[in-house]
């Protein structure tokens, strides 16, 4: 499966763009929208005002989809003004990724 098969996802009537950037561009966006400058290990972010999920363009398919699920939960959290902790978002994202992983990575590495 190609690494970036999605250009957008729809969440409750909101079209959320999905784009890839270099690690440095990703960290710069993270800082621009209020994150600290230690983006070590950062694989993605959800930018609410732009309704955009940004992922590291150089990660494996597995890491891309894991990040996409996490950031989709971040988007749902933001759009619906849920009161989820980051650990809850992380657990939900990873659990959904694990549920769909066999289908998403079929034929991939």
Protein backbone atom coordinates (compact mmCIF):
# COMPACT_ATOMS: atom_id res chain seq x y z
CA UNK A 1 0.00 0.00 0.00
CA UNK A 2 1.34 3.45 -0.81
CA UNK A 3 2.51 5.45 2.19
CA UNK A 4 0.18 8.42 1.71
CA UNK A 5 -3.08 7.01 0.35
CA UNK A 6 -5.20 9.70 2.03
CA UNK A 7 -5.38 13.38 1.21
CA UNK A 8 -8.22 14.03 3.65
CA UNK A 9 -10.58 12.34 6.09
CA UNK A 10 -14.14 13.35 6.96
CA UNK A 11 -15.03 13.76 10.62
CA UNK A 12 -18.61 14.70 11.40
CA UNK A 13 -19.04 16.95 8.39
CA UNK A 14 -15.55 18.42 8.67
CA UNK A 15 -13.07 17.70 5.90
CA UNK A 16 -9.67 17.33 7.58
CA UNK A 17 -6.65 17.53 5.28
CA UNK A 18 -3.85 14.98 5.68
CA UNK A 19 -0.41 16.21 4.62
CA UNK A 20 3.16 15.00 5.01
CA UNK A 21 6.11 17.21 5.97
CA UNK A 22 9.73 16.73 6.89
CA UNK A 23 10.54 16.19 10.57
CA UNK A 24 11.88 19.76 10.88
CA UNK A 25 8.80 21.29 9.21
CA UNK A 26 6.61 19.22 11.54
CA UNK A 27 8.48 20.47 14.62
CA UNK A 28 8.25 24.05 13.31
CA UNK A 29 4.46 23.69 12.91
CA UNK A 30 4.24 22.16 16.38
CA UNK A 31 6.05 25.18 17.86
CA UNK A 32 4.00 27.62 15.74
CA UNK A 33 0.79 26.25 17.26
CA UNK A 34 1.97 26.30 20.87
CA UNK A 35 4.08 23.17 21.38
CA UNK A 36 7.50 23.30 22.96
CA UNK A 37 10.55 23.14 20.73
CA UNK A 38 11.49 19.60 21.80
CA UNK A 39 9.79 17.71 19.01
CA UNK A 40 11.88 14.58 19.55
CA UNK A 41 9.93 11.60 18.29
CA UNK A 42 7.10 13.77 16.97
CA UNK A 43 5.34 11.92 14.15
CA UNK A 44 2.25 14.06 13.69
CA UNK A 45 0.05 16.91 14.86
CA UNK A 46 -3.54 18.03 14.42
CA UNK A 47 -3.84 21.73 13.61
CA UNK A 48 -7.37 22.69 14.63
CA UNK A 49 -7.61 26.15 13.03
CA UNK A 50 -6.53 24.69 9.67
CA UNK A 51 -8.38 21.37 10.18
CA UNK A 52 -5.21 19.61 9.07
CA UNK A 53 -3.38 16.50 10.22
CA UNK A 54 0.33 16.76 9.50
CA UNK A 55 2.48 13.63 9.58
CA UNK A 56 6.19 13.01 9.17
CA UNK A 57 6.53 12.12 5.48
CA UNK A 58 9.50 9.84 6.11
CA UNK A 59 7.99 7.33 8.56
CA UNK A 60 7.03 3.76 7.67
CA UNK A 61 3.49 2.85 6.62
CA UNK A 62 2.88 1.36 10.05
CA UNK A 63 3.97 4.54 11.84
CA UNK A 64 1.97 6.67 9.38
CA UNK A 65 -1.28 4.81 10.09
CA UNK A 66 -0.62 4.68 13.83
CA UNK A 67 -0.06 8.44 13.78
CA UNK A 68 -3.10 9.02 11.57
CA UNK A 69 -5.39 7.20 14.01
CA UNK A 70 -3.93 9.14 16.95
CA UNK A 71 -4.33 12.48 15.18
CA UNK A 72 -7.85 11.58 14.00
CA UNK A 73 -8.78 11.06 17.67
CA UNK A 74 -7.13 14.43 18.42
CA UNK A 75 -9.34 15.98 15.71
CA UNK A 76 -12.50 14.34 17.11
CA UNK A 77 -11.48 15.55 20.58
CA UNK A 78 -11.12 19.10 19.27
CA UNK A 79 -14.14 19.22 16.96
CA UNK A 80 -16.55 17.79 19.53
CA UNK A 81 -14.92 19.54 22.50
CA UNK A 82 -14.43 16.29 24.38
CA UNK A 83 -12.58 16.24 27.66
CA UNK A 84 -10.10 13.47 26.94
CA UNK A 85 -6.64 13.33 28.43
CA UNK A 86 -3.71 12.82 26.11
CA UNK A 87 -3.22 9.30 27.45
CA UNK A 88 -6.86 8.47 26.61
CA UNK A 89 -6.35 9.85 23.10
CA UNK A 90 -3.17 7.79 22.73
CA UNK A 91 -4.82 4.58 23.94
CA UNK A 92 -7.86 5.03 21.68
CA UNK A 93 -5.70 5.83 18.66
CA UNK A 94 -3.42 2.85 19.20
CA UNK A 95 -6.32 0.46 19.94
CA UNK A 96 -8.09 1.48 16.72
CA UNK A 97 -4.87 1.18 14.75
CA UNK A 98 -4.28 -2.33 16.13
CA UNK A 99 -7.86 -3.30 15.22
CA UNK A 100 -7.41 -2.17 11.61
CA UNK A 101 -3.70 -2.91 11.20
CA UNK A 102 -4.08 -6.28 9.42
CA UNK A 103 -6.26 -4.66 6.74
CA UNK A 104 -4.27 -1.43 6.43
CA UNK A 105 -0.89 -3.09 6.09
CA UNK A 106 -2.01 -6.06 4.01
CA UNK A 107 0.69 -6.66 1.48
CA UNK A 108 2.91 -4.07 3.17
CA UNK A 109 5.83 -4.36 5.52
